[in-house]
């Protein structure tokens, strides 16, 4: 979908789904519509500090496997990494 950031981009889709579900009084992640996603160092991420939310989630889910996608300028899969535990993830994001 050419020139449609809000549907064809994961970040745009996430931000719009979060707003929609918030208006409905629900959480997009609890509804299992979208995988748990955290936008770090993002100017338009609304709500509580995303890093604090990530830390709390990792603490409660230490055995999860994480897909880490770097910054805004890498929408072609460049630099994507897999962290197999919370320690690897913590070392990567700090």
PDB file of N, CA and C in Angstrom:
ATOM      1  N   UNK A   1       0.851  -1.174   0.000  1.00  0.00           N
ATOM      2  CA  UNK A   1       0.000   0.000   0.000  1.00  0.00           C
ATOM      3  C   UNK A   1       0.892   1.230   0.000  1.00  0.00           C
ATOM      4  N   UNK A   2       1.104   1.774  -1.135  1.00  0.00           N
ATOM      5  CA  UNK A   2       2.007   2.898  -1.301  1.00  0.00           C
ATOM      6  C   UNK A   2       1.529   4.118  -0.506  1.00  0.00           C
ATOM      7  N   UNK A   3       2.489   4.781   0.145  1.00  0.00           N
ATOM      8  CA  UNK A   3       2.238   6.021   0.897  1.00  0.00           C
ATOM      9  C   UNK A   3       1.200   5.854   2.009  1.00  0.00           C
ATOM     10  N   UNK A   4       1.104   4.689   2.613  1.00  0.00           N
ATOM     11  CA  UNK A   4       0.165   4.479   3.701  1.00  0.00           C
ATOM     12  C   UNK A   4       0.902   3.944   4.919  1.00  0.00           C
ATOM     13  N   UNK A   5       1.583   4.841   5.615  1.00  0.00           N
ATOM     14  CA  UNK A   5       2.374   4.499   6.795  1.00  0.00           C
ATOM     15  C   UNK A   5       1.522   3.852   7.879  1.00  0.00           C
ATOM     16  N   UNK A   6       0.270   4.270   8.001  1.00  0.00           N
ATOM     17  CA  UNK A   6      -0.554   3.848   9.130  1.00  0.00           C
ATOM     18  C   UNK A   6      -1.045   2.408   9.049  1.00  0.00           C
ATOM     19  N   UNK A   7      -0.968   1.784   7.906  1.00  0.00           N
ATOM     20  CA  UNK A   7      -1.380   0.392   7.785  1.00  0.00           C
ATOM     21  C   UNK A   7      -0.254  -0.523   7.309  1.00  0.00           C
ATOM     22  N   UNK A   8       0.674  -0.001   6.540  1.00  0.00           N
ATOM     23  CA  UNK A   8       1.700  -0.830   5.913  1.00  0.00           C
ATOM     24  C   UNK A   8       3.019  -0.826   6.675  1.00  0.00           C
ATOM     25  N   UNK A   9       3.071  -0.187   7.833  1.00  0.00           N
ATOM     26  CA  UNK A   9       4.284  -0.098   8.633  1.00  0.00           C
ATOM     27  C   UNK A   9       3.950  -0.619  10.027  1.00  0.00           C
ATOM     28  N   UNK A  10       4.782  -1.506  10.575  1.00  0.00           N
ATOM     29  CA  UNK A  10       4.476  -2.109  11.873  1.00  0.00           C
ATOM     30  C   UNK A  10       4.303  -1.057  12.961  1.00  0.00           C
ATOM     31  N   UNK A  11       5.167  -0.043  12.972  1.00  0.00           N
ATOM     32  CA  UNK A  11       5.067   1.003  13.991  1.00  0.00           C
ATOM     33  C   UNK A  11       3.760   1.775  13.833  1.00  0.00           C
ATOM     34  N   UNK A  12       3.432   2.174  12.615  1.00  0.00           N
ATOM     35  CA  UNK A  12       2.191   2.904  12.384  1.00  0.00           C
ATOM     36  C   UNK A  12       0.971   2.082  12.752  1.00  0.00           C
ATOM     37  N   UNK A  13       0.978   0.824  12.378  1.00  0.00           N
ATOM     38  CA  UNK A  13      -0.124  -0.070  12.706  1.00  0.00           C
ATOM     39  C   UNK A  13      -0.252  -0.228  14.219  1.00  0.00           C
ATOM     40  N   UNK A  14       0.867  -0.429  14.901  1.00  0.00           N
ATOM     41  CA  UNK A  14       0.853  -0.576  16.359  1.00  0.00           C
ATOM     42  C   UNK A  14       0.268   0.660  17.020  1.00  0.00           C
ATOM     43  N   UNK A  15       0.754   1.837  16.660  1.00  0.00           N
ATOM     44  CA  UNK A  15       0.277   3.063  17.301  1.00  0.00           C
ATOM     45  C   UNK A  15      -1.222   3.267  17.073  1.00  0.00           C
ATOM     46  N   UNK A  16      -1.691   2.972  15.880  1.00  0.00           N
ATOM     47  CA  UNK A  16      -3.118   3.127  15.593  1.00  0.00           C
ATOM     48  C   UNK A  16      -3.965   2.085  16.320  1.00  0.00           C
ATOM     49  N   UNK A  17      -3.502   0.838  16.376  1.00  0.00           N
ATOM     50  CA  UNK A  17      -4.250  -0.194  17.105  1.00  0.00           C
ATOM     51  C   UNK A  17      -4.297   0.105  18.602  1.00  0.00           C
ATOM     52  N   UNK A  18      -3.177   0.607  19.158  1.00  0.00           N
ATOM     53  CA  UNK A  18      -3.160   0.959  20.581  1.00  0.00           C
ATOM     54  C   UNK A  18      -4.190   2.053  20.868  1.00  0.00           C
ATOM     55  N   UNK A  19      -4.255   3.059  20.017  1.00  0.00           N
ATOM     56  CA  UNK A  19      -5.231   4.139  20.207  1.00  0.00           C
ATOM     57  C   UNK A  19      -6.662   3.604  20.103  1.00  0.00           C
ATOM     58  N   UNK A  20      -6.910   2.783  19.106  1.00  0.00           N
ATOM     59  CA  UNK A  20      -8.248   2.225  18.899  1.00  0.00           C
ATOM     60  C   UNK A  20      -8.687   1.394  20.111  1.00  0.00           C
ATOM     61  N   UNK A  21      -7.803   0.488  20.565  1.00  0.00           N
ATOM     62  CA  UNK A  21      -8.164  -0.366  21.694  1.00  0.00           C
ATOM     63  C   UNK A  21      -8.304   0.433  22.983  1.00  0.00           C
ATOM     64  N   UNK A  22      -7.506   1.480  23.142  1.00  0.00           N
ATOM     65  CA  UNK A  22      -7.632   2.340  24.324  1.00  0.00           C
ATOM     66  C   UNK A  22      -8.991   3.020  24.339  1.00  0.00           C
ATOM     67  N   UNK A  23      -9.465   3.489  23.175  1.00  0.00           N
ATOM     68  CA  UNK A  23     -10.800   4.094  23.093  1.00  0.00           C
ATOM     69  C   UNK A  23     -11.899   3.102  23.454  1.00  0.00           C
ATOM     70  N   UNK A  24     -11.661   1.826  23.184  1.00  0.00           N
ATOM     71  CA  UNK A  24     -12.621   0.768  23.505  1.00  0.00           C
ATOM     72  C   UNK A  24     -12.470   0.268  24.939  1.00  0.00           C
ATOM     73  N   UNK A  25     -11.481   0.819  25.681  1.00  0.00           N
ATOM     74  CA  UNK A  25     -11.247   0.396  27.061  1.00  0.00           C
ATOM     75  C   UNK A  25     -10.544  -0.943  27.167  1.00  0.00           C
ATOM     76  N   UNK A  26      -9.804  -1.314  26.129  1.00  0.00           N
ATOM     77  CA  UNK A  26      -9.101  -2.596  26.109  1.00  0.00           C
ATOM     78  C   UNK A  26      -7.622  -2.387  25.830  1.00  0.00           C
ATOM     79  N   UNK A  27      -6.868  -3.460  25.934  1.00  0.00           N
ATOM     80  CA  UNK A  27      -5.443  -3.436  25.612  1.00  0.00           C
ATOM     81  C   UNK A  27      -5.206  -4.301  24.381  1.00  0.00           C
ATOM     82  N   UNK A  28      -4.530  -3.759  23.404  1.00  0.00           N
ATOM     83  CA  UNK A  28      -4.273  -4.478  22.151  1.00  0.00           C
ATOM     84  C   UNK A  28      -3.478  -5.765  22.395  1.00  0.00           C
ATOM     85  N   UNK A  29      -2.630  -5.779  23.422  1.00  0.00           N
ATOM     86  CA  UNK A  29      -1.819  -6.963  23.697  1.00  0.00           C
ATOM     87  C   UNK A  29      -2.627  -8.026  24.435  1.00  0.00           C
ATOM     88  N   UNK A  30      -3.451  -7.618  25.391  1.00  0.00           N
ATOM     89  CA  UNK A  30      -4.275  -8.579  26.123  1.00  0.00           C
ATOM     90  C   UNK A  30      -5.313  -9.215  25.207  1.00  0.00           C
ATOM     91  N   UNK A  31      -5.719  -8.486  24.181  1.00  0.00           N
ATOM     92  CA  UNK A  31      -6.687  -9.014  23.223  1.00  0.00           C
ATOM     93  C   UNK A  31      -6.033  -9.965  22.220  1.00  0.00           C
ATOM     94  N   UNK A  32      -4.710 -10.114  22.318  1.00  0.00           N
ATOM     95  CA  UNK A  32      -3.929 -10.998  21.446  1.00  0.00           C
ATOM     96  C   UNK A  32      -4.085 -10.643  19.965  1.00  0.00           C
ATOM     97  N   UNK A  33      -4.245  -9.346  19.696  1.00  0.00           N
ATOM     98  CA  UNK A  33      -4.363  -8.854  18.337  1.00  0.00           C
ATOM     99  C   UNK A  33      -2.986  -8.567  17.752  1.00  0.00           C
ATOM    100  N   UNK A  34      -2.074  -8.160  18.603  1.00  0.00           N
ATOM    101  CA  UNK A  34      -0.747  -7.725  18.172  1.00  0.00           C
ATOM    102  C   UNK A  34       0.261  -8.252  19.185  1.00  0.00           C
ATOM    103  N   UNK A  35       1.426  -8.736  18.753  1.00  0.00           N
ATOM    104  CA  UNK A  35       2.408  -9.245  19.725  1.00  0.00           C
ATOM    105  C   UNK A  35       2.924  -8.120  20.615  1.00  0.00           C
ATOM    106  N   UNK A  36       3.323  -8.460  21.828  1.00  0.00           N
ATOM    107  CA  UNK A  36       3.886  -7.448  22.734  1.00  0.00           C
ATOM    108  C   UNK A  36       5.032  -6.750  22.034  1.00  0.00           C
ATOM    109  N   UNK A  37       4.924  -5.440  21.940  1.00  0.00           N
ATOM    110  CA  UNK A  37       5.877  -4.631  21.197  1.00  0.00           C
ATOM    111  C   UNK A  37       6.209  -3.397  22.019  1.00  0.00           C
ATOM    112  N   UNK A  38       7.477  -3.042  22.069  1.00  0.00           N
ATOM    113  CA  UNK A  38       7.910  -1.877  22.826  1.00  0.00           C
ATOM    114  C   UNK A  38       8.708  -0.968  21.913  1.00  0.00           C
ATOM    115  N   UNK A  39       8.341   0.310  21.873  1.00  0.00           N
ATOM    116  CA  UNK A  39       9.039   1.302  21.058  1.00  0.00           C
ATOM    117  C   UNK A  39       9.952   2.111  21.969  1.00  0.00           C
ATOM    118  N   UNK A  40      11.228   1.837  21.907  1.00  0.00           N
ATOM    119  CA  UNK A  40      12.190   2.545  22.749  1.00  0.00           C
ATOM    120  C   UNK A  40      12.769   3.728  21.994  1.00  0.00           C
ATOM    121  N   UNK A  41      13.026   4.821  22.705  1.00  0.00           N
ATOM    122  CA  UNK A  41      13.561   6.051  22.112  1.00  0.00           C
ATOM    123  C   UNK A  41      12.672   6.543  20.986  1.00  0.00           C
ATOM    124  N   UNK A  42      11.398   6.511  21.210  1.00  0.00           N
ATOM    125  CA  UNK A  42      10.435   6.897  20.176  1.00  0.00           C
ATOM    126  C   UNK A  42       9.666   8.120  20.669  1.00  0.00           C
ATOM    127  N   UNK A  43       9.726   9.203  19.920  1.00  0.00           N
ATOM    128  CA  UNK A  43       9.081  10.446  20.334  1.00  0.00           C
ATOM    129  C   UNK A  43       7.565  10.347  20.383  1.00  0.00           C
ATOM    130  N   UNK A  44       6.956   9.497  19.567  1.00  0.00           N
ATOM    131  CA  UNK A  44       5.507   9.443  19.523  1.00  0.00           C
ATOM    132  C   UNK A  44       4.918   8.253  20.275  1.00  0.00           C
ATOM    133  N   UNK A  45       5.707   7.585  21.105  1.00  0.00           N
ATOM    134  CA  UNK A  45       5.176   6.493  21.918  1.00  0.00           C
ATOM    135  C   UNK A  45       4.468   7.107  23.120  1.00  0.00           C
ATOM    136  N   UNK A  46       3.185   6.954  23.204  1.00  0.00           N
ATOM    137  CA  UNK A  46       2.429   7.584  24.275  1.00  0.00           C
ATOM    138  C   UNK A  46       2.290   6.650  25.474  1.00  0.00           C
ATOM    139  N   UNK A  47       1.886   7.222  26.588  1.00  0.00           N
ATOM    140  CA  UNK A  47       1.644   6.428  27.780  1.00  0.00           C
ATOM    141  C   UNK A  47       2.876   6.305  28.648  1.00  0.00           C
ATOM    142  N   UNK A  48       2.888   5.295  29.545  1.00  0.00           N
ATOM    143  CA  UNK A  48       4.025   5.115  30.447  1.00  0.00           C
ATOM    144  C   UNK A  48       5.321   4.897  29.682  1.00  0.00           C
ATOM    145  N   UNK A  49       6.417   5.134  30.345  1.00  0.00           N
ATOM    146  CA  UNK A  49       7.724   4.968  29.720  1.00  0.00           C
ATOM    147  C   UNK A  49       7.875   3.556  29.175  1.00  0.00           C
ATOM    148  N   UNK A  50       8.116   3.451  27.892  1.00  0.00           N
ATOM    149  CA  UNK A  50       8.199   2.149  27.221  1.00  0.00           C
ATOM    150  C   UNK A  50       9.326   1.277  27.793  1.00  0.00           C
ATOM    151  N   UNK A  51      10.445   1.887  28.174  1.00  0.00           N
ATOM    152  CA  UNK A  51      11.559   1.108  28.720  1.00  0.00           C
ATOM    153  C   UNK A  51      11.152   0.457  30.042  1.00  0.00           C
ATOM    154  N   UNK A  52      10.420   1.195  30.886  1.00  0.00           N
ATOM    155  CA  UNK A  52       9.949   0.633  32.151  1.00  0.00           C
ATOM    156  C   UNK A  52       8.956  -0.503  31.908  1.00  0.00           C
ATOM    157  N   UNK A  53       8.086  -0.324  30.929  1.00  0.00           N
ATOM    158  CA  UNK A  53       7.148  -1.394  30.587  1.00  0.00           C
ATOM    159  C   UNK A  53       7.881  -2.637  30.094  1.00  0.00           C
ATOM    160  N   UNK A  54       8.897  -2.435  29.280  1.00  0.00           N
ATOM    161  CA  UNK A  54       9.697  -3.556  28.780  1.00  0.00           C
ATOM    162  C   UNK A  54      10.385  -4.275  29.927  1.00  0.00           C
ATOM    163  N   UNK A  55      11.005  -3.529  30.830  1.00  0.00           N
ATOM    164  CA  UNK A  55      11.694  -4.146  31.969  1.00  0.00           C
ATOM    165  C   UNK A  55      10.727  -4.986  32.806  1.00  0.00           C
ATOM    166  N   UNK A  56       9.544  -4.464  33.074  1.00  0.00           N
ATOM    167  CA  UNK A  56       8.554  -5.198  33.865  1.00  0.00           C
ATOM    168  C   UNK A  56       8.105  -6.464  33.135  1.00  0.00           C
ATOM    169  N   UNK A  57       7.902  -6.357  31.827  1.00  0.00           N
ATOM    170  CA  UNK A  57       7.464  -7.517  31.061  1.00  0.00           C
ATOM    171  C   UNK A  57       8.547  -8.597  31.033  1.00  0.00           C
ATOM    172  N   UNK A  58       9.776  -8.188  30.826  1.00  0.00           N
ATOM    173  CA  UNK A  58      10.893  -9.143  30.795  1.00  0.00           C
ATOM    174  C   UNK A  58      11.044  -9.830  32.154  1.00  0.00           C
ATOM    175  N   UNK A  59      10.892  -9.071  33.225  1.00  0.00           N
ATOM    176  CA  UNK A  59      11.008  -9.647  34.569  1.00  0.00           C
ATOM    177  C   UNK A  59       9.954 -10.731  34.795  1.00  0.00           C
ATOM    178  N   UNK A  60       8.750 -10.503  34.269  1.00  0.00           N
ATOM    179  CA  UNK A  60       7.669 -11.470  34.440  1.00  0.00           C
ATOM    180  C   UNK A  60       7.682 -12.599  33.416  1.00  0.00           C
ATOM    181  N   UNK A  61       8.489 -12.455  32.364  1.00  0.00           N
ATOM    182  CA  UNK A  61       8.565 -13.454  31.291  1.00  0.00           C
ATOM    183  C   UNK A  61      10.025 -13.722  30.923  1.00  0.00           C
ATOM    184  N   UNK A  62      10.833 -14.197  31.875  1.00  0.00           N
ATOM    185  CA  UNK A  62      12.281 -14.302  31.640  1.00  0.00           C
ATOM    186  C   UNK A  62      12.684 -15.332  30.591  1.00  0.00           C
ATOM    187  N   UNK A  63      11.820 -16.259  30.250  1.00  0.00           N
ATOM    188  CA  UNK A  63      12.191 -17.306  29.287  1.00  0.00           C
ATOM    189  C   UNK A  63      11.709 -17.019  27.870  1.00  0.00           C
ATOM    190  N   UNK A  64      11.085 -15.860  27.672  1.00  0.00           N
ATOM    191  CA  UNK A  64      10.621 -15.507  26.329  1.00  0.00           C
ATOM    192  C   UNK A  64      11.794 -15.300  25.381  1.00  0.00           C
ATOM    193  N   UNK A  65      11.552 -15.520  24.120  1.00  0.00           N
ATOM    194  CA  UNK A  65      12.529 -15.220  23.070  1.00  0.00           C
ATOM    195  C   UNK A  65      12.100 -13.897  22.446  1.00  0.00           C
ATOM    196  N   UNK A  66      13.070 -13.020  22.199  1.00  0.00           N
ATOM    197  CA  UNK A  66      12.785 -11.670  21.745  1.00  0.00           C
ATOM    198  C   UNK A  66      13.356 -11.408  20.366  1.00  0.00           C
ATOM    199  N   UNK A  67      12.572 -10.750  19.537  1.00  0.00           N
ATOM    200  CA  UNK A  67      13.051 -10.249  18.248  1.00  0.00           C
ATOM    201  C   UNK A  67      13.306  -8.765  18.453  1.00  0.00           C
ATOM    202  N   UNK A  68      14.532  -8.328  18.189  1.00  0.00           N
ATOM    203  CA  UNK A  68      14.912  -6.930  18.403  1.00  0.00           C
ATOM    204  C   UNK A  68      15.216  -6.298  17.052  1.00  0.00           C
ATOM    205  N   UNK A  69      14.469  -5.257  16.742  1.00  0.00           N
ATOM    206  CA  UNK A  69      14.641  -4.542  15.478  1.00  0.00           C
ATOM    207  C   UNK A  69      15.178  -3.158  15.798  1.00  0.00           C
ATOM    208  N   UNK A  70      16.324  -2.810  15.246  1.00  0.00           N
ATOM    209  CA  UNK A  70      16.893  -1.494  15.536  1.00  0.00           C
ATOM    210  C   UNK A  70      16.153  -0.365  14.832  1.00  0.00           C
ATOM    211  N   UNK A  71      16.443   0.827  15.272  1.00  0.00           N
ATOM    212  CA  UNK A  71      15.944   2.114  14.829  1.00  0.00           C
ATOM    213  C   UNK A  71      15.065   2.278  13.608  1.00  0.00           C
ATOM    214  N   UNK A  72      14.682   3.495  13.430  1.00  0.00           N
ATOM    215  CA  UNK A  72      13.736   3.918  12.411  1.00  0.00           C
ATOM    216  C   UNK A  72      14.205   3.690  10.977  1.00  0.00           C
ATOM    217  N   UNK A  73      15.497   3.725  10.753  1.00  0.00           N
ATOM    218  CA  UNK A  73      16.007   3.707   9.383  1.00  0.00           C
ATOM    219  C   UNK A  73      16.317   2.312   8.856  1.00  0.00           C
ATOM    220  N   UNK A  74      15.810   1.287   9.518  1.00  0.00           N
ATOM    221  CA  UNK A  74      16.156  -0.067   9.081  1.00  0.00           C
ATOM    222  C   UNK A  74      14.897  -0.890   8.821  1.00  0.00           C
ATOM    223  N   UNK A  75      14.066  -0.423   7.955  1.00  0.00           N
ATOM    224  CA  UNK A  75      12.819  -1.116   7.651  1.00  0.00           C
ATOM    225  C   UNK A  75      12.978  -2.232   6.635  1.00  0.00           C
ATOM    226  N   UNK A  76      14.183  -2.677   6.407  1.00  0.00           N
ATOM    227  CA  UNK A  76      14.410  -3.744   5.428  1.00  0.00           C
ATOM    228  C   UNK A  76      15.015  -4.989   6.070  1.00  0.00           C
ATOM    229  N   UNK A  77      14.831  -5.126   7.367  1.00  0.00           N
ATOM    230  CA  UNK A  77      15.334  -6.295   8.068  1.00  0.00           C
ATOM    231  C   UNK A  77      16.800  -6.218   8.449  1.00  0.00           C
ATOM    232  N   UNK A  78      17.437  -5.090   8.202  1.00  0.00           N
ATOM    233  CA  UNK A  78      18.859  -4.938   8.514  1.00  0.00           C
ATOM    234  C   UNK A  78      19.032  -4.799  10.025  1.00  0.00           C
ATOM    235  N   UNK A  79      19.904  -5.611  10.603  1.00  0.00           N
ATOM    236  CA  UNK A  79      20.234  -5.506  12.015  1.00  0.00           C
ATOM    237  C   UNK A  79      19.283  -6.191  12.971  1.00  0.00           C
ATOM    238  N   UNK A  80      18.319  -6.926  12.474  1.00  0.00           N
ATOM    239  CA  UNK A  80      17.398  -7.629  13.360  1.00  0.00           C
ATOM    240  C   UNK A  80      18.154  -8.748  14.072  1.00  0.00           C
ATOM    241  N   UNK A  81      17.920  -8.850  15.388  1.00  0.00           N
ATOM    242  CA  UNK A  81      18.622  -9.847  16.208  1.00  0.00           C
ATOM    243  C   UNK A  81      17.613 -10.643  17.027  1.00  0.00           C
ATOM    244  N   UNK A  82      18.014 -11.821  17.453  1.00  0.00           N
ATOM    245  CA  UNK A  82      17.191 -12.683  18.286  1.00  0.00           C
ATOM    246  C   UNK A  82      17.877 -12.822  19.641  1.00  0.00           C
ATOM    247  N   UNK A  83      17.143 -12.545  20.712  1.00  0.00           N
ATOM    248  CA  UNK A  83      17.658 -12.731  22.074  1.00  0.00           C
ATOM    249  C   UNK A  83      16.902 -13.909  22.674  1.00  0.00           C
ATOM    250  N   UNK A  84      17.655 -14.876  23.175  1.00  0.00           N
ATOM    251  CA  UNK A  84      17.035 -16.106  23.669  1.00  0.00           C
ATOM    252  C   UNK A  84      16.700 -16.086  25.147  1.00  0.00           C
ATOM    253  N   UNK A  85      17.076 -15.015  25.856  1.00  0.00           N
ATOM    254  CA  UNK A  85      16.712 -14.905  27.262  1.00  0.00           C
ATOM    255  C   UNK A  85      16.769 -13.446  27.707  1.00  0.00           C
ATOM    256  N   UNK A  86      16.295 -13.206  28.919  1.00  0.00           N
ATOM    257  CA  UNK A  86      16.201 -11.832  29.406  1.00  0.00           C
ATOM    258  C   UNK A  86      17.570 -11.185  29.595  1.00  0.00           C
ATOM    259  N   UNK A  87      18.596 -11.958  29.931  1.00  0.00           N
ATOM    260  CA  UNK A  87      19.938 -11.398  30.105  1.00  0.00           C
ATOM    261  C   UNK A  87      20.489 -10.874  28.783  1.00  0.00           C
ATOM    262  N   UNK A  88      20.334 -11.638  27.715  1.00  0.00           N
ATOM    263  CA  UNK A  88      20.773 -11.173  26.390  1.00  0.00           C
ATOM    264  C   UNK A  88      20.047  -9.892  25.996  1.00  0.00           C
ATOM    265  N   UNK A  89      18.759  -9.851  26.259  1.00  0.00           N
ATOM    266  CA  UNK A  89      17.961  -8.672  25.909  1.00  0.00           C
ATOM    267  C   UNK A  89      18.419  -7.475  26.718  1.00  0.00           C
ATOM    268  N   UNK A  90      18.591  -7.657  28.007  1.00  0.00           N
ATOM    269  CA  UNK A  90      19.030  -6.560  28.888  1.00  0.00           C
ATOM    270  C   UNK A  90      20.383  -6.018  28.454  1.00  0.00           C
ATOM    271  N   UNK A  91      21.317  -6.894  28.108  1.00  0.00           N
ATOM    272  CA  UNK A  91      22.629  -6.454  27.658  1.00  0.00           C
ATOM    273  C   UNK A  91      22.547  -5.684  26.343  1.00  0.00           C
ATOM    274  N   UNK A  92      21.604  -6.027  25.524  1.00  0.00           N
ATOM    275  CA  UNK A  92      21.464  -5.376  24.226  1.00  0.00           C
ATOM    276  C   UNK A  92      20.848  -3.984  24.338  1.00  0.00           C
ATOM    277  N   UNK A  93      19.878  -3.810  25.215  1.00  0.00           N
ATOM    278  CA  UNK A  93      19.151  -2.543  25.273  1.00  0.00           C
ATOM    279  C   UNK A  93      19.739  -1.544  26.262  1.00  0.00           C
ATOM    280  N   UNK A  94      20.718  -1.935  27.047  1.00  0.00           N
ATOM    281  CA  UNK A  94      21.314  -0.976  27.993  1.00  0.00           C
ATOM    282  C   UNK A  94      22.608  -0.435  27.467  1.00  0.00           C
TER     283      UNK A  94
END
